[in-house]
Amino acid sequence: MSSTRTCEFSAFLAGPPRPRHHISSMIEIIIERWTNSDASQDFLWSIWQDDQRVDMGGPHQSAEGAEEEAMDFCRGSLQSEPDKITRL
């Protein structure tokens, strides 16, 4: 049997490609801390879905405030909870 026939036979055994149904996506909230020239700090958030930025917001005076607003965005706009929350 030639190598061409082996490949054709293997493809035949595997069958036709399977349709891809719903593929869940990864949603991540990133909270960034920025220190200003007056030593005050601001916290900004961004939402990433499958390595693409979806939205961003802030500034907030606390990481908790930024996270809360980002969670509200996920629940309201994306209708989903985030898979991961990262604080930088």
Protein backbone atom coordinates (compact mmCIF):
# COMPACT_ATOMS: atom_id res chain seq x y z
CA MET A 1 0.00 0.00 0.00
CA SER A 2 1.42 3.38 -0.93
CA SER A 3 1.60 6.28 1.51
CA THR A 4 -1.12 8.11 -0.45
CA ARG A 5 -3.52 5.22 -0.03
CA THR A 6 -2.69 4.98 3.66
CA CYS A 7 -3.59 8.65 4.17
CA GLU A 8 -6.82 8.25 2.18
CA PHE A 9 -7.71 5.13 4.18
CA SER A 10 -7.01 6.90 7.50
CA ALA A 11 -9.23 9.81 6.47
CA PHE A 12 -11.97 7.34 5.52
CA LEU A 13 -11.82 5.68 8.95
CA ALA A 14 -12.00 9.03 10.74
CA GLY A 15 -15.18 9.95 8.87
CA PRO A 16 -16.30 13.41 7.86
CA PRO A 17 -15.25 16.38 9.98
CA ARG A 18 -17.50 16.84 12.99
CA PRO A 19 -19.42 20.10 13.22
CA ARG A 20 -18.24 22.41 15.95
CA HIS A 21 -21.08 23.18 18.27
CA HIS A 22 -21.02 25.81 20.96
CA ILE A 23 -17.46 26.43 22.04
CA SER A 24 -17.30 28.20 25.37
CA SER A 25 -15.08 31.22 25.50
CA MET A 26 -12.69 32.36 28.20
CA ILE A 27 -13.62 35.62 29.94
CA GLU A 28 -11.03 37.36 32.10
CA ILE A 29 -11.19 40.53 34.16
CA ILE A 30 -7.91 42.38 34.57
CA ILE A 31 -7.60 45.01 37.30
CA GLU A 32 -4.69 47.44 36.85
CA ARG A 33 -3.26 49.66 39.58
CA TRP A 34 -1.83 52.97 38.44
CA THR A 35 0.18 55.24 40.74
CA ASN A 36 -0.17 58.93 39.94
CA SER A 37 2.49 61.64 40.33
CA ASP A 38 0.87 62.75 43.61
CA ALA A 39 1.26 59.17 44.96
CA SER A 40 -2.50 58.53 44.76
CA GLN A 41 -3.63 55.31 43.09
CA ASP A 42 -6.29 54.59 40.50
CA PHE A 43 -7.66 51.17 39.60
CA LEU A 44 -8.86 50.47 36.08
CA TRP A 45 -10.48 47.33 34.70
CA SER A 46 -10.60 45.62 31.35
CA ILE A 47 -12.57 42.60 30.13
CA TRP A 48 -10.91 40.11 27.79
CA GLN A 49 -12.74 37.38 25.91
CA ASP A 50 -10.67 34.88 23.94
CA ASP A 51 -7.63 37.20 24.02
CA GLN A 52 -9.59 40.18 22.66
CA ARG A 53 -10.36 43.21 24.80
CA VAL A 54 -14.13 43.68 25.04
CA ASP A 55 -14.38 46.78 27.24
CA MET A 56 -12.59 48.81 29.88
CA GLY A 57 -13.53 51.21 32.65
CA GLY A 58 -12.53 53.18 35.70
CA PRO A 59 -10.80 54.85 37.35
CA HIS A 60 -11.80 53.70 40.82
CA GLN A 61 -10.27 54.40 44.19
CA SER A 62 -10.07 50.70 45.08
CA ALA A 63 -9.44 47.38 43.36
CA GLU A 64 -12.72 46.15 44.84
CA GLY A 65 -14.67 48.99 43.21
CA ALA A 66 -13.07 48.29 39.83
CA GLU A 67 -13.76 44.56 40.16
CA GLU A 68 -17.39 45.16 41.12
CA GLU A 69 -18.01 47.35 38.07
CA ALA A 70 -16.27 44.82 35.80
CA MET A 71 -18.38 41.99 37.23
CA ASP A 72 -21.53 44.03 36.61
CA PHE A 73 -20.45 44.48 32.98
CA CYS A 74 -19.84 40.73 32.56
CA ARG A 75 -23.21 39.83 34.04
CA GLY A 76 -25.12 42.50 32.14
CA SER A 77 -23.46 42.70 28.75
CA LEU A 78 -21.89 39.26 28.37
CA GLN A 79 -24.49 37.42 30.47
CA SER A 80 -21.72 35.37 32.04
CA GLU A 81 -19.44 35.17 35.05
CA PRO A 82 -15.73 35.65 34.38
CA ASP A 83 -13.50 32.58 34.34
CA LYS A 84 -10.57 34.45 35.84
CA ILE A 85 -9.82 37.70 37.69
CA THR A 86 -6.27 39.03 37.59
CA ARG A 87 -4.99 41.97 39.63
CA LEU A 88 -1.85 43.64 38.34
